[in-house]
Amino acid sequence: MIARLLRGTPCVLSTGGGAFLSAANRALVHEVGVSVWLRADLDLLWQRVRHKTTRPLLRTPNPRETLRALYEARLPFYAEADLAVDSAAELSVEDMAIRVREALRTRPDVLEG
């Protein structure tokens, strides 16, 4: 599915966090486009998901600990992203979009000034 989407019309493809764990997916994204890690610390992630019931991996007796374990296990894979953009609690979606656009401008092969 990811390969088909990446070979289609240029777009922003937002994958779930687990999709980037696959070496094949990381390589494909790197070959065809640019990966951007929206980097957030564990506390911020917990604030965003702690009241959500739509996170099946966190339906455990201790969801905070489960999130911590997932976070630590996934960090090395996320660090392989082509670009990282830091998130913060006070940033709106629009603020993050501006940060991502600025990061992409460092890649003239992806986004012109």
PDB file of N, CA and C in Angstrom:
ATOM      1  N   MET A   1       0.824  -1.185   0.000  1.00  0.00           N
ATOM      2  CA  MET A   1       0.000   0.000   0.000  1.00  0.00           C
ATOM      3  C   MET A   1       0.876   1.260   0.000  1.00  0.00           C
ATOM      4  N   ILE A   2       1.886   1.292   0.871  1.00  0.00           N
ATOM      5  CA  ILE A   2       2.765   2.465   0.941  1.00  0.00           C
ATOM      6  C   ILE A   2       3.479   2.668  -0.392  1.00  0.00           C
ATOM      7  N   ALA A   3       3.978   1.591  -0.970  1.00  0.00           N
ATOM      8  CA  ALA A   3       4.680   1.701  -2.262  1.00  0.00           C
ATOM      9  C   ALA A   3       3.765   2.267  -3.336  1.00  0.00           C
ATOM     10  N   ARG A   4       2.538   1.799  -3.380  1.00  0.00           N
ATOM     11  CA  ARG A   4       1.590   2.281  -4.389  1.00  0.00           C
ATOM     12  C   ARG A   4       1.314   3.770  -4.197  1.00  0.00           C
ATOM     13  N   LEU A   5       1.107   4.186  -2.963  1.00  0.00           N
ATOM     14  CA  LEU A   5       0.828   5.595  -2.691  1.00  0.00           C
ATOM     15  C   LEU A   5       2.037   6.479  -3.016  1.00  0.00           C
ATOM     16  N   LEU A   6       3.226   6.001  -2.694  1.00  0.00           N
ATOM     17  CA  LEU A   6       4.435   6.789  -2.956  1.00  0.00           C
ATOM     18  C   LEU A   6       4.716   6.940  -4.443  1.00  0.00           C
ATOM     19  N   ARG A   7       4.250   6.011  -5.227  1.00  0.00           N
ATOM     20  CA  ARG A   7       4.481   6.083  -6.673  1.00  0.00           C
ATOM     21  C   ARG A   7       3.381   6.856  -7.390  1.00  0.00           C
ATOM     22  N   GLY A   8       2.378   7.301  -6.659  1.00  0.00           N
ATOM     23  CA  GLY A   8       1.280   8.052  -7.249  1.00  0.00           C
ATOM     24  C   GLY A   8       1.577   9.543  -7.274  1.00  0.00           C
ATOM     25  N   THR A   9       0.527  10.311  -7.287  1.00  0.00           N
ATOM     26  CA  THR A   9       0.627  11.768  -7.272  1.00  0.00           C
ATOM     27  C   THR A   9       1.393  12.212  -6.027  1.00  0.00           C
ATOM     28  N   PRO A  10       2.316  13.167  -6.174  1.00  0.00           N
ATOM     29  CA  PRO A  10       3.048  13.648  -4.995  1.00  0.00           C
ATOM     30  C   PRO A  10       2.069  14.078  -3.893  1.00  0.00           C
ATOM     31  N   CYS A  11       2.385  13.668  -2.683  1.00  0.00           N
ATOM     32  CA  CYS A  11       1.475  13.918  -1.575  1.00  0.00           C
ATOM     33  C   CYS A  11       2.219  13.857  -0.247  1.00  0.00           C
ATOM     34  N   VAL A  12       1.510  14.202   0.803  1.00  0.00           N
ATOM     35  CA  VAL A  12       1.983  13.966   2.163  1.00  0.00           C
ATOM     36  C   VAL A  12       1.336  12.659   2.592  1.00  0.00           C
ATOM     37  N   LEU A  13       2.149  11.710   2.959  1.00  0.00           N
ATOM     38  CA  LEU A  13       1.656  10.410   3.390  1.00  0.00           C
ATOM     39  C   LEU A  13       1.954  10.265   4.876  1.00  0.00           C
ATOM     40  N   SER A  14       0.927  10.260   5.664  1.00  0.00           N
ATOM     41  CA  SER A  14       1.082  10.137   7.106  1.00  0.00           C
ATOM     42  C   SER A  14       0.830   8.688   7.493  1.00  0.00           C
ATOM     43  N   THR A  15       1.876   8.019   7.931  1.00  0.00           N
ATOM     44  CA  THR A  15       1.741   6.621   8.318  1.00  0.00           C
ATOM     45  C   THR A  15       1.562   6.519   9.819  1.00  0.00           C
ATOM     46  N   GLY A  16       1.082   5.394  10.267  1.00  0.00           N
ATOM     47  CA  GLY A  16       1.065   5.128  11.699  1.00  0.00           C
ATOM     48  C   GLY A  16       2.497   4.901  12.159  1.00  0.00           C
ATOM     49  N   GLY A  17       2.727   5.059  13.441  1.00  0.00           N
ATOM     50  CA  GLY A  17       4.077   4.940  13.982  1.00  0.00           C
ATOM     51  C   GLY A  17       4.745   3.611  13.707  1.00  0.00           C
ATOM     52  N   GLY A  18       3.973   2.547  13.639  1.00  0.00           N
ATOM     53  CA  GLY A  18       4.552   1.230  13.410  1.00  0.00           C
ATOM     54  C   GLY A  18       5.034   1.003  11.989  1.00  0.00           C
ATOM     55  N   ALA A  19       4.474   1.722  11.033  1.00  0.00           N
ATOM     56  CA  ALA A  19       4.846   1.510   9.629  1.00  0.00           C
ATOM     57  C   ALA A  19       6.319   1.812   9.382  1.00  0.00           C
ATOM     58  N   PHE A  20       6.857   2.775  10.082  1.00  0.00           N
ATOM     59  CA  PHE A  20       8.248   3.178   9.864  1.00  0.00           C
ATOM     60  C   PHE A  20       9.232   2.208  10.508  1.00  0.00           C
ATOM     61  N   LEU A  21       8.737   1.273  11.294  1.00  0.00           N
ATOM     62  CA  LEU A  21       9.617   0.275  11.904  1.00  0.00           C
ATOM     63  C   LEU A  21      10.152  -0.705  10.865  1.00  0.00           C
ATOM     64  N   SER A  22       9.447  -0.864   9.781  1.00  0.00           N
ATOM     65  CA  SER A  22       9.843  -1.781   8.715  1.00  0.00           C
ATOM     66  C   SER A  22      11.008  -1.197   7.918  1.00  0.00           C
ATOM     67  N   ALA A  23      12.111  -1.935   7.849  1.00  0.00           N
ATOM     68  CA  ALA A  23      13.269  -1.492   7.073  1.00  0.00           C
ATOM     69  C   ALA A  23      12.893  -1.266   5.611  1.00  0.00           C
ATOM     70  N   ALA A  24      12.037  -2.115   5.088  1.00  0.00           N
ATOM     71  CA  ALA A  24      11.612  -1.965   3.689  1.00  0.00           C
ATOM     72  C   ALA A  24      10.837  -0.663   3.499  1.00  0.00           C
ATOM     73  N   ASN A  25       9.956  -0.338   4.432  1.00  0.00           N
ATOM     74  CA  ASN A  25       9.197   0.912   4.331  1.00  0.00           C
ATOM     75  C   ASN A  25      10.115   2.121   4.448  1.00  0.00           C
ATOM     76  N   ARG A  26      11.058   2.076   5.387  1.00  0.00           N
ATOM     77  CA  ARG A  26      11.988   3.199   5.544  1.00  0.00           C
ATOM     78  C   ARG A  26      12.788   3.405   4.269  1.00  0.00           C
ATOM     79  N   ALA A  27      13.273   2.326   3.701  1.00  0.00           N
ATOM     80  CA  ALA A  27      14.073   2.425   2.473  1.00  0.00           C
ATOM     81  C   ALA A  27      13.238   2.972   1.319  1.00  0.00           C
ATOM     82  N   LEU A  28      12.021   2.498   1.202  1.00  0.00           N
ATOM     83  CA  LEU A  28      11.145   2.945   0.119  1.00  0.00           C
ATOM     84  C   LEU A  28      10.840   4.431   0.238  1.00  0.00           C
ATOM     85  N   VAL A  29      10.506   4.876   1.430  1.00  0.00           N
ATOM     86  CA  VAL A  29      10.224   6.302   1.631  1.00  0.00           C
ATOM     87  C   VAL A  29      11.465   7.130   1.304  1.00  0.00           C
ATOM     88  N   HIS A  30      12.618   6.668   1.745  1.00  0.00           N
ATOM     89  CA  HIS A  30      13.862   7.402   1.490  1.00  0.00           C
ATOM     90  C   HIS A  30      14.170   7.477  -0.008  1.00  0.00           C
ATOM     91  N   GLU A  31      13.912   6.386  -0.729  1.00  0.00           N
ATOM     92  CA  GLU A  31      14.195   6.348  -2.164  1.00  0.00           C
ATOM     93  C   GLU A  31      13.246   7.233  -2.959  1.00  0.00           C
ATOM     94  N   VAL A  32      11.988   7.271  -2.555  1.00  0.00           N
ATOM     95  CA  VAL A  32      10.954   7.931  -3.349  1.00  0.00           C
ATOM     96  C   VAL A  32      10.642   9.346  -2.853  1.00  0.00           C
ATOM     97  N   GLY A  33      10.855   9.592  -1.577  1.00  0.00           N
ATOM     98  CA  GLY A  33      10.485  10.886  -1.010  1.00  0.00           C
ATOM     99  C   GLY A  33      11.394  11.259   0.141  1.00  0.00           C
ATOM    100  N   VAL A  34      10.819  11.834   1.140  1.00  0.00           N
ATOM    101  CA  VAL A  34      11.569  12.235   2.323  1.00  0.00           C
ATOM    102  C   VAL A  34      10.712  11.912   3.550  1.00  0.00           C
ATOM    103  N   SER A  35      11.338  11.301   4.536  1.00  0.00           N
ATOM    104  CA  SER A  35      10.609  10.992   5.770  1.00  0.00           C
ATOM    105  C   SER A  35      10.840  12.114   6.771  1.00  0.00           C
ATOM    106  N   VAL A  36       9.766  12.463   7.473  1.00  0.00           N
ATOM    107  CA  VAL A  36       9.829  13.513   8.482  1.00  0.00           C
ATOM    108  C   VAL A  36       9.307  12.931   9.790  1.00  0.00           C
ATOM    109  N   TRP A  37      10.142  12.979  10.804  1.00  0.00           N
ATOM    110  CA  TRP A  37       9.774  12.514  12.144  1.00  0.00           C
ATOM    111  C   TRP A  37       9.258  13.713  12.926  1.00  0.00           C
ATOM    112  N   LEU A  38       8.022  13.656  13.339  1.00  0.00           N
ATOM    113  CA  LEU A  38       7.471  14.687  14.218  1.00  0.00           C
ATOM    114  C   LEU A  38       7.856  14.279  15.637  1.00  0.00           C
ATOM    115  N   ARG A  39       8.998  14.775  16.071  1.00  0.00           N
ATOM    116  CA  ARG A  39       9.624  14.324  17.319  1.00  0.00           C
ATOM    117  C   ARG A  39       8.939  14.975  18.528  1.00  0.00           C
ATOM    118  N   ALA A  40       8.489  14.122  19.429  1.00  0.00           N
ATOM    119  CA  ALA A  40       7.861  14.584  20.672  1.00  0.00           C
ATOM    120  C   ALA A  40       8.402  13.735  21.806  1.00  0.00           C
ATOM    121  N   ASP A  41       8.552  14.338  22.974  1.00  0.00           N
ATOM    122  CA  ASP A  41       9.053  13.552  24.101  1.00  0.00           C
ATOM    123  C   ASP A  41       7.918  12.717  24.701  1.00  0.00           C
ATOM    124  N   LEU A  42       8.301  11.812  25.560  1.00  0.00           N
ATOM    125  CA  LEU A  42       7.346  10.862  26.131  1.00  0.00           C
ATOM    126  C   LEU A  42       6.224  11.567  26.887  1.00  0.00           C
ATOM    127  N   ASP A  43       6.537  12.590  27.650  1.00  0.00           N
ATOM    128  CA  ASP A  43       5.505  13.290  28.415  1.00  0.00           C
ATOM    129  C   ASP A  43       4.460  13.931  27.500  1.00  0.00           C
ATOM    130  N   LEU A  44       4.919  14.530  26.418  1.00  0.00           N
ATOM    131  CA  LEU A  44       3.988  15.140  25.470  1.00  0.00           C
ATOM    132  C   LEU A  44       3.113  14.075  24.812  1.00  0.00           C
ATOM    133  N   LEU A  45       3.715  12.972  24.410  1.00  0.00           N
ATOM    134  CA  LEU A  45       2.933  11.892  23.806  1.00  0.00           C
ATOM    135  C   LEU A  45       1.882  11.376  24.777  1.00  0.00           C
ATOM    136  N   TRP A  46       2.261  11.207  26.032  1.00  0.00           N
ATOM    137  CA  TRP A  46       1.315  10.722  27.035  1.00  0.00           C
ATOM    138  C   TRP A  46       0.159  11.710  27.201  1.00  0.00           C
ATOM    139  N   GLN A  47       0.458  13.002  27.234  1.00  0.00           N
ATOM    140  CA  GLN A  47      -0.598  14.001  27.355  1.00  0.00           C
ATOM    141  C   GLN A  47      -1.578  13.904  26.188  1.00  0.00           C
ATOM    142  N   ARG A  48      -1.082  13.563  25.023  1.00  0.00           N
ATOM    143  CA  ARG A  48      -1.930  13.510  23.831  1.00  0.00           C
ATOM    144  C   ARG A  48      -2.782  12.247  23.753  1.00  0.00           C
ATOM    145  N   VAL A  49      -2.314  11.155  24.341  1.00  0.00           N
ATOM    146  CA  VAL A  49      -3.035   9.886  24.163  1.00  0.00           C
ATOM    147  C   VAL A  49      -3.698   9.350  25.421  1.00  0.00           C
ATOM    148  N   ARG A  50      -3.431   9.910  26.556  1.00  0.00           N
ATOM    149  CA  ARG A  50      -3.873   9.285  27.813  1.00  0.00           C
ATOM    150  C   ARG A  50      -5.380   9.138  27.948  1.00  0.00           C
ATOM    151  N   HIS A  51      -6.158   9.968  27.310  1.00  0.00           N
ATOM    152  CA  HIS A  51      -7.609   9.863  27.425  1.00  0.00           C
ATOM    153  C   HIS A  51      -8.267   9.265  26.184  1.00  0.00           C
ATOM    154  N   LYS A  52      -7.450   8.828  25.244  1.00  0.00           N
ATOM    155  CA  LYS A  52      -8.006   8.274  24.004  1.00  0.00           C
ATOM    156  C   LYS A  52      -8.265   6.780  24.162  1.00  0.00           C
ATOM    157  N   THR A  53      -9.361   6.352  23.596  1.00  0.00           N
ATOM    158  CA  THR A  53      -9.701   4.920  23.615  1.00  0.00           C
ATOM    159  C   THR A  53      -9.439   4.283  22.259  1.00  0.00           C
ATOM    160  N   THR A  54      -8.855   5.050  21.350  1.00  0.00           N
ATOM    161  CA  THR A  54      -8.642   4.579  19.978  1.00  0.00           C
ATOM    162  C   THR A  54      -7.222   4.072  19.748  1.00  0.00           C
ATOM    163  N   ARG A  55      -6.497   3.803  20.815  1.00  0.00           N
ATOM    164  CA  ARG A  55      -5.119   3.326  20.712  1.00  0.00           C
ATOM    165  C   ARG A  55      -5.042   1.896  21.224  1.00  0.00           C
ATOM    166  N   PRO A  56      -5.249   0.902  20.341  1.00  0.00           N
ATOM    167  CA  PRO A  56      -5.306  -0.488  20.793  1.00  0.00           C
ATOM    168  C   PRO A  56      -4.041  -0.956  21.517  1.00  0.00           C
ATOM    169  N   LEU A  57      -2.886  -0.475  21.098  1.00  0.00           N
ATOM    170  CA  LEU A  57      -1.648  -0.917  21.755  1.00  0.00           C
ATOM    171  C   LEU A  57      -1.555  -0.432  23.198  1.00  0.00           C
ATOM    172  N   LEU A  58      -2.344   0.572  23.547  1.00  0.00           N
ATOM    173  CA  LEU A  58      -2.295   1.116  24.906  1.00  0.00           C
ATOM    174  C   LEU A  58      -3.434   0.601  25.789  1.00  0.00           C
ATOM    175  N   ARG A  59      -4.173  -0.362  25.289  1.00  0.00           N
ATOM    176  CA  ARG A  59      -5.229  -0.973  26.102  1.00  0.00           C
ATOM    177  C   ARG A  59      -4.605  -2.072  26.969  1.00  0.00           C
ATOM    178  N   THR A  60      -3.823  -1.637  27.918  1.00  0.00           N
ATOM    179  CA  THR A  60      -3.099  -2.537  28.810  1.00  0.00           C
ATOM    180  C   THR A  60      -3.349  -2.089  30.252  1.00  0.00           C
ATOM    181  N   PRO A  61      -2.963  -2.912  31.228  1.00  0.00           N
ATOM    182  CA  PRO A  61      -3.147  -2.506  32.629  1.00  0.00           C
ATOM    183  C   PRO A  61      -2.379  -1.237  32.990  1.00  0.00           C
ATOM    184  N   ASN A  62      -1.239  -0.999  32.330  1.00  0.00           N
ATOM    185  CA  ASN A  62      -0.449   0.199  32.611  1.00  0.00           C
ATOM    186  C   ASN A  62      -0.090   0.876  31.277  1.00  0.00           C
ATOM    187  N   PRO A  63      -1.028   1.640  30.721  1.00  0.00           N
ATOM    188  CA  PRO A  63      -0.792   2.222  29.398  1.00  0.00           C
ATOM    189  C   PRO A  63       0.398   3.180  29.350  1.00  0.00           C
ATOM    190  N   ARG A  64       0.663   3.885  30.436  1.00  0.00           N
ATOM    191  CA  ARG A  64       1.817   4.813  30.464  1.00  0.00           C
ATOM    192  C   ARG A  64       3.115   4.036  30.299  1.00  0.00           C
ATOM    193  N   GLU A  65       3.227   2.917  30.979  1.00  0.00           N
ATOM    194  CA  GLU A  65       4.422   2.083  30.873  1.00  0.00           C
ATOM    195  C   GLU A  65       4.508   1.443  29.487  1.00  0.00           C
ATOM    196  N   THR A  66       3.380   1.044  28.948  1.00  0.00           N
ATOM    197  CA  THR A  66       3.358   0.481  27.593  1.00  0.00           C
ATOM    198  C   THR A  66       3.830   1.521  26.587  1.00  0.00           C
ATOM    199  N   LEU A  67       3.355   2.759  26.737  1.00  0.00           N
ATOM    200  CA  LEU A  67       3.788   3.830  25.853  1.00  0.00           C
ATOM    201  C   LEU A  67       5.290   4.061  25.987  1.00  0.00           C
ATOM    202  N   ARG A  68       5.796   4.047  27.206  1.00  0.00           N
ATOM    203  CA  ARG A  68       7.232   4.242  27.419  1.00  0.00           C
ATOM    204  C   ARG A  68       8.033   3.158  26.709  1.00  0.00           C
ATOM    205  N   ALA A  69       7.600   1.908  26.853  1.00  0.00           N
ATOM    206  CA  ALA A  69       8.312   0.798  26.210  1.00  0.00           C
ATOM    207  C   ALA A  69       8.267   0.925  24.685  1.00  0.00           C
ATOM    208  N   LEU A  70       7.117   1.273  24.138  1.00  0.00           N
ATOM    209  CA  LEU A  70       7.004   1.476  22.687  1.00  0.00           C
ATOM    210  C   LEU A  70       7.895   2.621  22.232  1.00  0.00           C
ATOM    211  N   TYR A  71       7.856   3.702  22.965  1.00  0.00           N
ATOM    212  CA  TYR A  71       8.655   4.895  22.660  1.00  0.00           C
ATOM    213  C   TYR A  71      10.140   4.543  22.604  1.00  0.00           C
ATOM    214  N   GLU A  72      10.623   3.884  23.638  1.00  0.00           N
ATOM    215  CA  GLU A  72      12.051   3.544  23.689  1.00  0.00           C
ATOM    216  C   GLU A  72      12.436   2.549  22.604  1.00  0.00           C
ATOM    217  N   ALA A  73      11.566   1.602  22.318  1.00  0.00           N
ATOM    218  CA  ALA A  73      11.865   0.610  21.280  1.00  0.00           C
ATOM    219  C   ALA A  73      11.871   1.232  19.888  1.00  0.00           C
ATOM    220  N   ARG A  74      11.040   2.228  19.680  1.00  0.00           N
ATOM    221  CA  ARG A  74      10.895   2.819  18.349  1.00  0.00           C
ATOM    222  C   ARG A  74      11.869   3.962  18.064  1.00  0.00           C
ATOM    223  N   LEU A  75      12.402   4.590  19.085  1.00  0.00           N
ATOM    224  CA  LEU A  75      13.289   5.739  18.874  1.00  0.00           C
ATOM    225  C   LEU A  75      14.409   5.484  17.872  1.00  0.00           C
ATOM    226  N   PRO A  76      15.121   4.359  17.958  1.00  0.00           N
ATOM    227  CA  PRO A  76      16.216   4.151  16.994  1.00  0.00           C
ATOM    228  C   PRO A  76      15.734   4.120  15.540  1.00  0.00           C
ATOM    229  N   PHE A  77      14.531   3.622  15.317  1.00  0.00           N
ATOM    230  CA  PHE A  77      13.991   3.572  13.960  1.00  0.00           C
ATOM    231  C   PHE A  77      13.569   4.968  13.501  1.00  0.00           C
ATOM    232  N   TYR A  78      12.880   5.699  14.369  1.00  0.00           N
ATOM    233  CA  TYR A  78      12.459   7.049  14.021  1.00  0.00           C
ATOM    234  C   TYR A  78      13.659   7.950  13.760  1.00  0.00           C
ATOM    235  N   ALA A  79      14.755   7.705  14.471  1.00  0.00           N
ATOM    236  CA  ALA A  79      15.959   8.529  14.291  1.00  0.00           C
ATOM    237  C   ALA A  79      16.550   8.362  12.892  1.00  0.00           C
ATOM    238  N   GLU A  80      16.126   7.365  12.155  1.00  0.00           N
ATOM    239  CA  GLU A  80      16.582   7.162  10.783  1.00  0.00           C
ATOM    240  C   GLU A  80      15.825   8.024   9.770  1.00  0.00           C
ATOM    241  N   ALA A  81      14.840   8.772  10.238  1.00  0.00           N
ATOM    242  CA  ALA A  81      14.082   9.641   9.323  1.00  0.00           C
ATOM    243  C   ALA A  81      15.027  10.660   8.684  1.00  0.00           C
ATOM    244  N   ASP A  82      14.678  11.084   7.495  1.00  0.00           N
ATOM    245  CA  ASP A  82      15.498  12.057   6.776  1.00  0.00           C
ATOM    246  C   ASP A  82      15.537  13.407   7.495  1.00  0.00           C
ATOM    247  N   LEU A  83      14.423  13.786   8.084  1.00  0.00           N
ATOM    248  CA  LEU A  83      14.315  15.051   8.809  1.00  0.00           C
ATOM    249  C   LEU A  83      13.581  14.822  10.124  1.00  0.00           C
ATOM    250  N   ALA A  84      13.914  15.609  11.127  1.00  0.00           N
ATOM    251  CA  ALA A  84      13.188  15.575  12.396  1.00  0.00           C
ATOM    252  C   ALA A  84      12.700  16.981  12.708  1.00  0.00           C
ATOM    253  N   VAL A  85      11.451  17.083  13.111  1.00  0.00           N
ATOM    254  CA  VAL A  85      10.851  18.368  13.457  1.00  0.00           C
ATOM    255  C   VAL A  85      10.321  18.232  14.883  1.00  0.00           C
ATOM    256  N   ASP A  86      10.829  19.093  15.754  1.00  0.00           N
ATOM    257  CA  ASP A  86      10.448  19.010  17.161  1.00  0.00           C
ATOM    258  C   ASP A  86       9.063  19.577  17.405  1.00  0.00           C
ATOM    259  N   SER A  87       8.317  18.847  18.210  1.00  0.00           N
ATOM    260  CA  SER A  87       6.979  19.248  18.601  1.00  0.00           C
ATOM    261  C   SER A  87       7.005  19.784  20.024  1.00  0.00           C
ATOM    262  N   ALA A  88       5.987  20.524  20.388  1.00  0.00           N
ATOM    263  CA  ALA A  88       5.843  21.039  21.750  1.00  0.00           C
ATOM    264  C   ALA A  88       4.363  21.204  22.029  1.00  0.00           C
ATOM    265  N   ALA A  89       4.003  21.114  23.289  1.00  0.00           N
ATOM    266  CA  ALA A  89       2.593  21.163  23.685  1.00  0.00           C
ATOM    267  C   ALA A  89       1.894  22.433  23.219  1.00  0.00           C
ATOM    268  N   GLU A  90       2.602  23.532  23.197  1.00  0.00           N
ATOM    269  CA  GLU A  90       1.969  24.811  22.858  1.00  0.00           C
ATOM    270  C   GLU A  90       1.822  25.037  21.358  1.00  0.00           C
ATOM    271  N   LEU A  91       2.354  24.140  20.545  1.00  0.00           N
ATOM    272  CA  LEU A  91       2.286  24.320  19.091  1.00  0.00           C
ATOM    273  C   LEU A  91       0.976  23.777  18.530  1.00  0.00           C
ATOM    274  N   SER A  92       0.338  24.582  17.709  1.00  0.00           N
ATOM    275  CA  SER A  92      -0.888  24.145  17.035  1.00  0.00           C
ATOM    276  C   SER A  92      -0.523  23.279  15.832  1.00  0.00           C
ATOM    277  N   VAL A  93      -1.532  22.693  15.225  1.00  0.00           N
ATOM    278  CA  VAL A  93      -1.322  21.936  13.988  1.00  0.00           C
ATOM    279  C   VAL A  93      -0.712  22.855  12.934  1.00  0.00           C
ATOM    280  N   GLU A  94      -1.210  24.077  12.861  1.00  0.00           N
ATOM    281  CA  GLU A  94      -0.697  25.033  11.884  1.00  0.00           C
ATOM    282  C   GLU A  94       0.770  25.373  12.163  1.00  0.00           C
ATOM    283  N   ASP A  95       1.124  25.535  13.452  1.00  0.00           N
ATOM    284  CA  ASP A  95       2.516  25.809  13.815  1.00  0.00           C
ATOM    285  C   ASP A  95       3.416  24.650  13.395  1.00  0.00           C
ATOM    286  N   MET A  96       2.951  23.434  13.605  1.00  0.00           N
ATOM    287  CA  MET A  96       3.751  22.273  13.218  1.00  0.00           C
ATOM    288  C   MET A  96       3.886  22.192  11.699  1.00  0.00           C
ATOM    289  N   ALA A  97       2.828  22.521  10.990  1.00  0.00           N
ATOM    290  CA  ALA A  97       2.891  22.517   9.527  1.00  0.00           C
ATOM    291  C   ALA A  97       3.943  23.507   9.039  1.00  0.00           C
ATOM    292  N   ILE A  98       4.014  24.658   9.678  1.00  0.00           N
ATOM    293  CA  ILE A  98       5.028  25.655   9.311  1.00  0.00           C
ATOM    294  C   ILE A  98       6.418  25.100   9.594  1.00  0.00           C
ATOM    295  N   ARG A  99       6.594  24.447  10.736  1.00  0.00           N
ATOM    296  CA  ARG A  99       7.898  23.862  11.066  1.00  0.00           C
ATOM    297  C   ARG A  99       8.291  22.792  10.054  1.00  0.00           C
ATOM    298  N   VAL A 100       7.337  21.976   9.661  1.00  0.00           N
ATOM    299  CA  VAL A 100       7.625  20.917   8.687  1.00  0.00           C
ATOM    300  C   VAL A 100       7.994  21.546   7.346  1.00  0.00           C
ATOM    301  N   ARG A 101       7.241  22.534   6.934  1.00  0.00           N
ATOM    302  CA  ARG A 101       7.548  23.202   5.666  1.00  0.00           C
ATOM    303  C   ARG A 101       8.951  23.803   5.683  1.00  0.00           C
ATOM    304  N   GLU A 102       9.332  24.428   6.797  1.00  0.00           N
ATOM    305  CA  GLU A 102      10.676  25.003   6.909  1.00  0.00           C
ATOM    306  C   GLU A 102      11.747  23.909   6.844  1.00  0.00           C
ATOM    307  N   ALA A 103      11.500  22.790   7.489  1.00  0.00           N
ATOM    308  CA  ALA A 103      12.452  21.673   7.427  1.00  0.00           C
ATOM    309  C   ALA A 103      12.566  21.144   6.000  1.00  0.00           C
ATOM    310  N   LEU A 104      11.439  21.036   5.319  1.00  0.00           N
ATOM    311  CA  LEU A 104      11.459  20.548   3.938  1.00  0.00           C
ATOM    312  C   LEU A 104      12.180  21.505   3.000  1.00  0.00           C
ATOM    313  N   ARG A 105      12.192  22.778   3.327  1.00  0.00           N
ATOM    314  CA  ARG A 105      12.906  23.748   2.498  1.00  0.00           C
ATOM    315  C   ARG A 105      14.410  23.519   2.531  1.00  0.00           C
ATOM    316  N   THR A 106      14.897  22.767   3.496  1.00  0.00           N
ATOM    317  CA  THR A 106      16.324  22.418   3.514  1.00  0.00           C
ATOM    318  C   THR A 106      16.622  21.339   2.479  1.00  0.00           C
ATOM    319  N   ARG A 107      15.582  20.811   1.868  1.00  0.00           N
ATOM    320  CA  ARG A 107      15.705  19.775   0.851  1.00  0.00           C
ATOM    321  C   ARG A 107      15.164  20.298  -0.473  1.00  0.00           C
ATOM    322  N   PRO A 108      16.009  21.007  -1.267  1.00  0.00           N
ATOM    323  CA  PRO A 108      15.513  21.571  -2.528  1.00  0.00           C
ATOM    324  C   PRO A 108      15.015  20.519  -3.512  1.00  0.00           C
ATOM    325  N   ASP A 109      15.399  19.253  -3.287  1.00  0.00           N
ATOM    326  CA  ASP A 109      14.886  18.193  -4.151  1.00  0.00           C
ATOM    327  C   ASP A 109      13.431  17.876  -3.838  1.00  0.00           C
ATOM    328  N   VAL A 110      12.940  18.392  -2.719  1.00  0.00           N
ATOM    329  CA  VAL A 110      11.571  18.103  -2.301  1.00  0.00           C
ATOM    330  C   VAL A 110      10.693  19.343  -2.372  1.00  0.00           C
ATOM    331  N   LEU A 111      11.206  20.458  -1.864  1.00  0.00           N
ATOM    332  CA  LEU A 111      10.405  21.674  -1.783  1.00  0.00           C
ATOM    333  C   LEU A 111      11.282  22.878  -2.089  1.00  0.00           C
ATOM    334  N   GLU A 112      10.861  23.633  -3.068  1.00  0.00           N
ATOM    335  CA  GLU A 112      11.610  24.834  -3.437  1.00  0.00           C
ATOM    336  C   GLU A 112      11.288  25.953  -2.456  1.00  0.00           C
ATOM    337  N   GLY A 113      12.243  26.869  -2.284  1.00  0.00           N
ATOM    338  CA  GLY A 113      12.078  28.015  -1.402  1.00  0.00           C
ATOM    339  C   GLY A 113      10.849  28.768  -1.690  1.00  0.00           C
TER     340      GLY A 113
END
